[in-house]
Amino acid sequence: MKLSRLLHSARTALRSEKGRRAATRATDTVADTARRASPRHSAKIDQAQQSARKYLDRQ
């Protein structure tokens, strides 16, 4: 699958409430896993998670 098609599918999914909820859950899961893997970088991980949530809230 081409990357452009994958991006288009992801953007389309973010237009629905269900897609936004799934993206938020995925963001939380990834951030939690990253914090466990590298606790000393938790400030940067929190910042990235906050940016992702802001983006998702705008969609």
PDB file of N, CA and C in Angstrom:
ATOM      1  N   MET A   1       0.847  -1.170   0.000  1.00  0.00           N
ATOM      2  CA  MET A   1       0.000   0.000   0.000  1.00  0.00           C
ATOM      3  C   MET A   1       0.896   1.238   0.000  1.00  0.00           C
ATOM      4  N   LYS A   2       0.574   2.183  -0.823  1.00  0.00           N
ATOM      5  CA  LYS A   2       1.352   3.408  -0.885  1.00  0.00           C
ATOM      6  C   LYS A   2       1.138   4.227   0.375  1.00  0.00           C
ATOM      7  N   LEU A   3       2.168   4.970   0.741  1.00  0.00           N
ATOM      8  CA  LEU A   3       2.093   5.806   1.933  1.00  0.00           C
ATOM      9  C   LEU A   3       1.012   6.877   1.794  1.00  0.00           C
ATOM     10  N   SER A   4       0.857   7.435   0.605  1.00  0.00           N
ATOM     11  CA  SER A   4      -0.153   8.475   0.406  1.00  0.00           C
ATOM     12  C   SER A   4      -1.559   7.918   0.634  1.00  0.00           C
ATOM     13  N   ARG A   5      -1.792   6.691   0.226  1.00  0.00           N
ATOM     14  CA  ARG A   5      -3.098   6.059   0.441  1.00  0.00           C
ATOM     15  C   ARG A   5      -3.336   5.788   1.935  1.00  0.00           C
ATOM     16  N   LEU A   6      -2.278   5.382   2.622  1.00  0.00           N
ATOM     17  CA  LEU A   6      -2.372   5.143   4.055  1.00  0.00           C
ATOM     18  C   LEU A   6      -2.689   6.439   4.804  1.00  0.00           C
ATOM     19  N   LEU A   7      -2.025   7.527   4.426  1.00  0.00           N
ATOM     20  CA  LEU A   7      -2.294   8.833   5.043  1.00  0.00           C
ATOM     21  C   LEU A   7      -3.719   9.293   4.766  1.00  0.00           C
ATOM     22  N   HIS A   8      -4.178   9.087   3.559  1.00  0.00           N
ATOM     23  CA  HIS A   8      -5.547   9.470   3.210  1.00  0.00           C
ATOM     24  C   HIS A   8      -6.552   8.683   4.057  1.00  0.00           C
ATOM     25  N   SER A   9      -6.308   7.410   4.228  1.00  0.00           N
ATOM     26  CA  SER A   9      -7.194   6.580   5.043  1.00  0.00           C
ATOM     27  C   SER A   9      -7.198   7.032   6.504  1.00  0.00           C
ATOM     28  N   ALA A  10      -6.030   7.386   7.011  1.00  0.00           N
ATOM     29  CA  ALA A  10      -5.935   7.851   8.403  1.00  0.00           C
ATOM     30  C   ALA A  10      -6.671   9.169   8.584  1.00  0.00           C
ATOM     31  N   ARG A  11      -6.509  10.078   7.648  1.00  0.00           N
ATOM     32  CA  ARG A  11      -7.206  11.374   7.741  1.00  0.00           C
ATOM     33  C   ARG A  11      -8.717  11.192   7.646  1.00  0.00           C
ATOM     34  N   THR A  12      -9.138  10.291   6.823  1.00  0.00           N
ATOM     35  CA  THR A  12     -10.572  10.006   6.701  1.00  0.00           C
ATOM     36  C   THR A  12     -11.112   9.428   8.007  1.00  0.00           C
ATOM     37  N   ALA A  13     -10.351   8.554   8.631  1.00  0.00           N
ATOM     38  CA  ALA A  13     -10.781   7.954   9.898  1.00  0.00           C
ATOM     39  C   ALA A  13     -10.901   9.006  10.997  1.00  0.00           C
ATOM     40  N   LEU A  14     -10.039  10.024  10.971  1.00  0.00           N
ATOM     41  CA  LEU A  14     -10.083  11.061  11.997  1.00  0.00           C
ATOM     42  C   LEU A  14     -11.312  11.950  11.884  1.00  0.00           C
ATOM     43  N   ARG A  15     -12.027  11.855  10.806  1.00  0.00           N
ATOM     44  CA  ARG A  15     -13.240  12.660  10.648  1.00  0.00           C
ATOM     45  C   ARG A  15     -14.404  12.107  11.443  1.00  0.00           C
ATOM     46  N   SER A  16     -14.297  10.867  11.883  1.00  0.00           N
ATOM     47  CA  SER A  16     -15.387  10.266  12.658  1.00  0.00           C
ATOM     48  C   SER A  16     -15.018  10.269  14.148  1.00  0.00           C
ATOM     49  N   GLU A  17     -16.034  10.267  14.987  1.00  0.00           N
ATOM     50  CA  GLU A  17     -15.816  10.240  16.435  1.00  0.00           C
ATOM     51  C   GLU A  17     -15.111   8.947  16.846  1.00  0.00           C
ATOM     52  N   LYS A  18     -15.511   7.847  16.240  1.00  0.00           N
ATOM     53  CA  LYS A  18     -14.904   6.554  16.548  1.00  0.00           C
ATOM     54  C   LYS A  18     -13.410   6.557  16.195  1.00  0.00           C
ATOM     55  N   GLY A  19     -13.067   7.152  15.075  1.00  0.00           N
ATOM     56  CA  GLY A  19     -11.670   7.231  14.661  1.00  0.00           C
ATOM     57  C   GLY A  19     -10.842   8.085  15.599  1.00  0.00           C
ATOM     58  N   ARG A  20     -11.424   9.204  16.048  1.00  0.00           N
ATOM     59  CA  ARG A  20     -10.711  10.066  16.996  1.00  0.00           C
ATOM     60  C   ARG A  20     -10.495   9.368  18.332  1.00  0.00           C
ATOM     61  N   ARG A  21     -11.507   8.616  18.789  1.00  0.00           N
ATOM     62  CA  ARG A  21     -11.347   7.866  20.045  1.00  0.00           C
ATOM     63  C   ARG A  21     -10.244   6.824  19.918  1.00  0.00           C
ATOM     64  N   ALA A  22     -10.209   6.134  18.793  1.00  0.00           N
ATOM     65  CA  ALA A  22      -9.178   5.112  18.570  1.00  0.00           C
ATOM     66  C   ALA A  22      -7.788   5.755  18.526  1.00  0.00           C
ATOM     67  N   ALA A  23      -7.681   6.902  17.883  1.00  0.00           N
ATOM     68  CA  ALA A  23      -6.397   7.595  17.801  1.00  0.00           C
ATOM     69  C   ALA A  23      -5.955   8.078  19.179  1.00  0.00           C
ATOM     70  N   THR A  24      -6.890   8.545  19.980  1.00  0.00           N
ATOM     71  CA  THR A  24      -6.559   8.998  21.337  1.00  0.00           C
ATOM     72  C   THR A  24      -6.084   7.827  22.192  1.00  0.00           C
ATOM     73  N   ARG A  25      -6.774   6.693  22.083  1.00  0.00           N
ATOM     74  CA  ARG A  25      -6.350   5.493  22.824  1.00  0.00           C
ATOM     75  C   ARG A  25      -4.953   5.055  22.385  1.00  0.00           C
ATOM     76  N   ALA A  26      -4.717   5.081  21.089  1.00  0.00           N
ATOM     77  CA  ALA A  26      -3.405   4.668  20.574  1.00  0.00           C
ATOM     78  C   ALA A  26      -2.312   5.613  21.072  1.00  0.00           C
ATOM     79  N   THR A  27      -2.603   6.906  21.081  1.00  0.00           N
ATOM     80  CA  THR A  27      -1.639   7.896  21.566  1.00  0.00           C
ATOM     81  C   THR A  27      -1.310   7.646  23.037  1.00  0.00           C
ATOM     82  N   ASP A  28      -2.332   7.389  23.846  1.00  0.00           N
ATOM     83  CA  ASP A  28      -2.119   7.118  25.268  1.00  0.00           C
ATOM     84  C   ASP A  28      -1.292   5.855  25.478  1.00  0.00           C
ATOM     85  N   THR A  29      -1.601   4.820  24.722  1.00  0.00           N
ATOM     86  CA  THR A  29      -0.884   3.556  24.851  1.00  0.00           C
ATOM     87  C   THR A  29       0.585   3.707  24.469  1.00  0.00           C
ATOM     88  N   VAL A  30       0.826   4.396  23.377  1.00  0.00           N
ATOM     89  CA  VAL A  30       2.208   4.596  22.927  1.00  0.00           C
ATOM     90  C   VAL A  30       2.986   5.427  23.945  1.00  0.00           C
ATOM     91  N   ALA A  31       2.365   6.472  24.470  1.00  0.00           N
ATOM     92  CA  ALA A  31       3.045   7.315  25.456  1.00  0.00           C
ATOM     93  C   ALA A  31       3.355   6.535  26.732  1.00  0.00           C
ATOM     94  N   ASP A  32       2.420   5.733  27.201  1.00  0.00           N
ATOM     95  CA  ASP A  32       2.661   4.926  28.406  1.00  0.00           C
ATOM     96  C   ASP A  32       3.801   3.930  28.193  1.00  0.00           C
ATOM     97  N   THR A  33       3.810   3.303  27.035  1.00  0.00           N
ATOM     98  CA  THR A  33       4.872   2.344  26.716  1.00  0.00           C
ATOM     99  C   THR A  33       6.225   3.052  26.633  1.00  0.00           C
ATOM    100  N   ALA A  34       6.255   4.220  26.022  1.00  0.00           N
ATOM    101  CA  ALA A  34       7.508   4.975  25.901  1.00  0.00           C
ATOM    102  C   ALA A  34       8.008   5.422  27.276  1.00  0.00           C
ATOM    103  N   ARG A  35       7.101   5.812  28.154  1.00  0.00           N
ATOM    104  CA  ARG A  35       7.508   6.213  29.509  1.00  0.00           C
ATOM    105  C   ARG A  35       8.126   5.042  30.272  1.00  0.00           C
ATOM    106  N   ARG A  36       7.553   3.849  30.103  1.00  0.00           N
ATOM    107  CA  ARG A  36       8.116   2.668  30.768  1.00  0.00           C
ATOM    108  C   ARG A  36       9.475   2.309  30.181  1.00  0.00           C
ATOM    109  N   ALA A  37       9.633   2.483  28.887  1.00  0.00           N
ATOM    110  CA  ALA A  37      10.888   2.118  28.225  1.00  0.00           C
ATOM    111  C   ALA A  37      11.999   3.121  28.524  1.00  0.00           C
ATOM    112  N   SER A  38      11.627   4.384  28.668  1.00  0.00           N
ATOM    113  CA  SER A  38      12.642   5.415  28.886  1.00  0.00           C
ATOM    114  C   SER A  38      12.127   6.470  29.859  1.00  0.00           C
ATOM    115  N   PRO A  39      12.149   6.178  31.144  1.00  0.00           N
ATOM    116  CA  PRO A  39      11.590   7.103  32.132  1.00  0.00           C
ATOM    117  C   PRO A  39      12.292   8.466  32.185  1.00  0.00           C
ATOM    118  N   ARG A  40      13.550   8.516  31.833  1.00  0.00           N
ATOM    119  CA  ARG A  40      14.245   9.805  31.935  1.00  0.00           C
ATOM    120  C   ARG A  40      13.811  10.797  30.851  1.00  0.00           C
ATOM    121  N   HIS A  41      13.124  10.320  29.832  1.00  0.00           N
ATOM    122  CA  HIS A  41      12.633  11.198  28.767  1.00  0.00           C
ATOM    123  C   HIS A  41      11.135  11.484  28.903  1.00  0.00           C
ATOM    124  N   SER A  42      10.592  11.293  30.086  1.00  0.00           N
ATOM    125  CA  SER A  42       9.145  11.427  30.265  1.00  0.00           C
ATOM    126  C   SER A  42       8.642  12.836  29.987  1.00  0.00           C
ATOM    127  N   ALA A  43       9.449  13.859  30.226  1.00  0.00           N
ATOM    128  CA  ALA A  43       9.015  15.235  29.937  1.00  0.00           C
ATOM    129  C   ALA A  43       8.779  15.427  28.434  1.00  0.00           C
ATOM    130  N   LYS A  44       9.683  14.923  27.628  1.00  0.00           N
ATOM    131  CA  LYS A  44       9.530  15.023  26.165  1.00  0.00           C
ATOM    132  C   LYS A  44       8.362  14.184  25.679  1.00  0.00           C
ATOM    133  N   ILE A  45       8.179  13.023  26.280  1.00  0.00           N
ATOM    134  CA  ILE A  45       7.069  12.146  25.903  1.00  0.00           C
ATOM    135  C   ILE A  45       5.750  12.822  26.228  1.00  0.00           C
ATOM    136  N   ASP A  46       5.672  13.448  27.415  1.00  0.00           N
ATOM    137  CA  ASP A  46       4.456  14.169  27.798  1.00  0.00           C
ATOM    138  C   ASP A  46       4.167  15.314  26.833  1.00  0.00           C
ATOM    139  N   GLN A  47       5.209  16.013  26.438  1.00  0.00           N
ATOM    140  CA  GLN A  47       5.054  17.125  25.492  1.00  0.00           C
ATOM    141  C   GLN A  47       4.541  16.616  24.139  1.00  0.00           C
ATOM    142  N   ALA A  48       5.072  15.527  23.668  1.00  0.00           N
ATOM    143  CA  ALA A  48       4.629  14.957  22.395  1.00  0.00           C
ATOM    144  C   ALA A  48       3.190  14.465  22.488  1.00  0.00           C
ATOM    145  N   GLN A  49       2.835  13.848  23.617  1.00  0.00           N
ATOM    146  CA  GLN A  49       1.467  13.367  23.804  1.00  0.00           C
ATOM    147  C   GLN A  49       0.491  14.545  23.838  1.00  0.00           C
ATOM    148  N   GLN A  50       0.875  15.617  24.505  1.00  0.00           N
ATOM    149  CA  GLN A  50       0.015  16.797  24.574  1.00  0.00           C
ATOM    150  C   GLN A  50      -0.185  17.401  23.180  1.00  0.00           C
ATOM    151  N   SER A  51       0.860  17.456  22.381  1.00  0.00           N
ATOM    152  CA  SER A  51       0.748  17.970  21.020  1.00  0.00           C
ATOM    153  C   SER A  51      -0.173  17.099  20.168  1.00  0.00           C
ATOM    154  N   ALA A  52      -0.052  15.791  20.338  1.00  0.00           N
ATOM    155  CA  ALA A  52      -0.905  14.874  19.583  1.00  0.00           C
ATOM    156  C   ALA A  52      -2.363  15.044  19.978  1.00  0.00           C
ATOM    157  N   ARG A  53      -2.622  15.205  21.267  1.00  0.00           N
ATOM    158  CA  ARG A  53      -4.005  15.410  21.732  1.00  0.00           C
ATOM    159  C   ARG A  53      -4.580  16.719  21.193  1.00  0.00           C
ATOM    160  N   LYS A  54      -3.765  17.773  21.187  1.00  0.00           N
ATOM    161  CA  LYS A  54      -4.224  19.053  20.629  1.00  0.00           C
ATOM    162  C   LYS A  54      -4.618  18.886  19.172  1.00  0.00           C
ATOM    163  N   TYR A  55      -3.786  18.181  18.424  1.00  0.00           N
ATOM    164  CA  TYR A  55      -4.080  17.942  17.005  1.00  0.00           C
ATOM    165  C   TYR A  55      -5.365  17.163  16.843  1.00  0.00           C
ATOM    166  N   LEU A  56      -5.548  16.125  17.639  1.00  0.00           N
ATOM    167  CA  LEU A  56      -6.736  15.295  17.542  1.00  0.00           C
ATOM    168  C   LEU A  56      -7.992  16.069  17.946  1.00  0.00           C
ATOM    169  N   ASP A  57      -7.870  16.952  18.913  1.00  0.00           N
ATOM    170  CA  ASP A  57      -9.022  17.751  19.338  1.00  0.00           C
ATOM    171  C   ASP A  57      -9.456  18.738  18.264  1.00  0.00           C
ATOM    172  N   ARG A  58      -8.526  19.187  17.449  1.00  0.00           N
ATOM    173  CA  ARG A  58      -8.856  20.132  16.368  1.00  0.00           C
ATOM    174  C   ARG A  58      -9.567  19.456  15.210  1.00  0.00           C
ATOM    175  N   GLN A  59      -9.366  18.171  15.053  1.00  0.00           N
ATOM    176  CA  GLN A  59      -9.928  17.452  13.908  1.00  0.00           C
ATOM    177  C   GLN A  59     -11.401  17.258  14.026  1.00  0.00           C
TER     178      GLN A  59
END
